[in-house]
C-alpha atoms as a PDB file:
ATOM      1  CA  UNK A   1     124.983 135.206  70.200  1.00  0.00           C
ATOM      2  CA  UNK A   2     125.113 131.512  70.865  1.00  0.00           C
ATOM      3  CA  UNK A   3     126.680 129.827  73.857  1.00  0.00           C
ATOM      4  CA  UNK A   4     129.240 127.013  73.751  1.00  0.00           C
ATOM      5  CA  UNK A   5     130.263 124.771  76.647  1.00  0.00           C
ATOM      6  CA  UNK A   6     133.162 123.064  74.816  1.00  0.00           C
ATOM      7  CA  UNK A   7     135.538 124.543  77.375  1.00  0.00           C
ATOM      8  CA  UNK A   8     133.626 122.757  80.152  1.00  0.00           C
ATOM      9  CA  UNK A   9     133.970 119.359  78.496  1.00  0.00           C
ATOM     10  CA  UNK A  10     137.705 119.915  77.909  1.00  0.00           C
ATOM     11  CA  UNK A  11     138.144 120.963  81.542  1.00  0.00           C
ATOM     12  CA  UNK A  12     136.388 117.810  82.726  1.00  0.00           C
ATOM     13  CA  UNK A  13     138.812 115.713  80.676  1.00  0.00           C
ATOM     14  CA  UNK A  14     141.768 117.590  82.172  1.00  0.00           C
ATOM     15  CA  UNK A  15     140.412 116.992  85.684  1.00  0.00           C
ATOM     16  CA  UNK A  16     139.636 113.350  84.869  1.00  0.00           C
ATOM     17  CA  UNK A  17     135.982 113.809  85.819  1.00  0.00           C
ATOM     18  CA  UNK A  18     132.966 112.544  83.919  1.00  0.00           C
ATOM     19  CA  UNK A  19     129.617 114.292  83.492  1.00  0.00           C
ATOM     20  CA  UNK A  20     127.871 112.163  86.117  1.00  0.00           C
ATOM     21  CA  UNK A  21     130.520 112.980  88.719  1.00  0.00           C
ATOM     22  CA  UNK A  22     130.172 116.674  87.915  1.00  0.00           C
ATOM     23  CA  UNK A  23     126.395 116.483  88.204  1.00  0.00           C
ATOM     24  CA  UNK A  24     126.569 114.839  91.624  1.00  0.00           C
ATOM     25  CA  UNK A  25     129.378 117.007  93.063  1.00  0.00           C
ATOM     26  CA  UNK A  26     127.840 120.256  91.776  1.00  0.00           C
ATOM     27  CA  UNK A  27     124.312 119.278  92.783  1.00  0.00           C
ATOM     28  CA  UNK A  28     122.756 119.971  89.394  1.00  0.00           C
ATOM     29  CA  UNK A  29     119.933 118.084  87.707  1.00  0.00           C
ATOM     30  CA  UNK A  30     120.168 115.696  84.794  1.00  0.00           C
ATOM     31  CA  UNK A  31     118.025 118.155  82.833  1.00  0.00           C
ATOM     32  CA  UNK A  32     120.539 120.943  83.395  1.00  0.00           C
ATOM     33  CA  UNK A  33     123.363 118.660  82.307  1.00  0.00           C
ATOM     34  CA  UNK A  34     121.398 117.760  79.171  1.00  0.00           C
ATOM     35  CA  UNK A  35     120.956 121.465  78.347  1.00  0.00           C
ATOM     36  CA  UNK A  36     124.695 121.997  78.737  1.00  0.00           C
ATOM     37  CA  UNK A  37     125.307 119.100  76.368  1.00  0.00           C
ATOM     38  CA  UNK A  38     123.070 120.757  73.761  1.00  0.00           C
ATOM     39  CA  UNK A  39     124.694 124.197  74.223  1.00  0.00           C
ATOM     40  CA  UNK A  40     121.394 125.591  75.481  1.00  0.00           C
ATOM     41  CA  UNK A  41     120.989 128.433  77.969  1.00  0.00           C
ATOM     42  CA  UNK A  42     121.063 127.474  81.642  1.00  0.00           C
ATOM     43  CA  UNK A  43     120.509 129.414  84.840  1.00  0.00           C
ATOM     44  CA  UNK A  44     123.534 131.327  86.120  1.00  0.00           C
ATOM     45  CA  UNK A  45     123.094 129.545  89.467  1.00  0.00           C
ATOM     46  CA  UNK A  46     123.929 126.274  87.691  1.00  0.00           C
ATOM     47  CA  UNK A  47     127.021 127.809  86.095  1.00  0.00           C
ATOM     48  CA  UNK A  48     128.096 129.167  89.504  1.00  0.00           C
ATOM     49  CA  UNK A  49     127.739 125.703  91.076  1.00  0.00           C
ATOM     50  CA  UNK A  50     129.878 124.191  88.330  1.00  0.00           C
ATOM     51  CA  UNK A  51     132.538 126.884  88.731  1.00  0.00           C
ATOM     52  CA  UNK A  52     132.615 126.370  92.497  1.00  0.00           C
ATOM     53  CA  UNK A  53     132.932 122.598  92.045  1.00  0.00           C
ATOM     54  CA  UNK A  54     135.711 122.888  89.457  1.00  0.00           C
ATOM     55  CA  UNK A  55     137.372 125.858  91.177  1.00  0.00           C
ATOM     56  CA  UNK A  56     137.348 127.954  88.010  1.00  0.00           C
ATOM     57  CA  UNK A  57     135.867 131.101  86.465  1.00  0.00           C
ATOM     58  CA  UNK A  58     132.834 131.183  84.202  1.00  0.00           C
ATOM     59  CA  UNK A  59     135.062 132.024  81.228  1.00  0.00           C
ATOM     60  CA  UNK A  60     136.827 128.685  81.806  1.00  0.00           C
ATOM     61  CA  UNK A  61     133.645 126.705  81.101  1.00  0.00           C
ATOM     62  CA  UNK A  62     131.752 128.666  78.464  1.00  0.00           C
ATOM     63  CA  UNK A  63     132.069 131.192  75.673  1.00  0.00           C
ATOM     64  CA  UNK A  64     129.748 133.293  73.576  1.00  0.00           C
ATOM     65  CA  UNK A  65     129.941 132.773  69.840  1.00  0.00           C
ATOM     66  CA  UNK A  66     128.780 135.458  67.385  1.00  0.00           C
ATOM     67  CA  UNK A  67     125.923 134.371  65.132  1.00  0.00           C
ATOM     68  CA  UNK A  68     128.010 134.617  61.960  1.00  0.00           C
ATOM     69  CA  UNK A  69     130.481 131.988  63.257  1.00  0.00           C
ATOM     70  CA  UNK A  70     127.867 129.294  63.991  1.00  0.00           C
END
């Protein structure tokens, strides 16, 4: 299974927030933000910080995609 953070980027647009603002408000590193941008795995602590900052659930920012749909 692969991970996709497309939902996160759409949510940021809806909340009129850019990636830098998210990084600062959530207290995550530029490296973590880069991993999110590449749909790479990140620590659940990072995902929890983002959810707390955006007041949402983890399913609102990411989804798992079966290998055959990649």
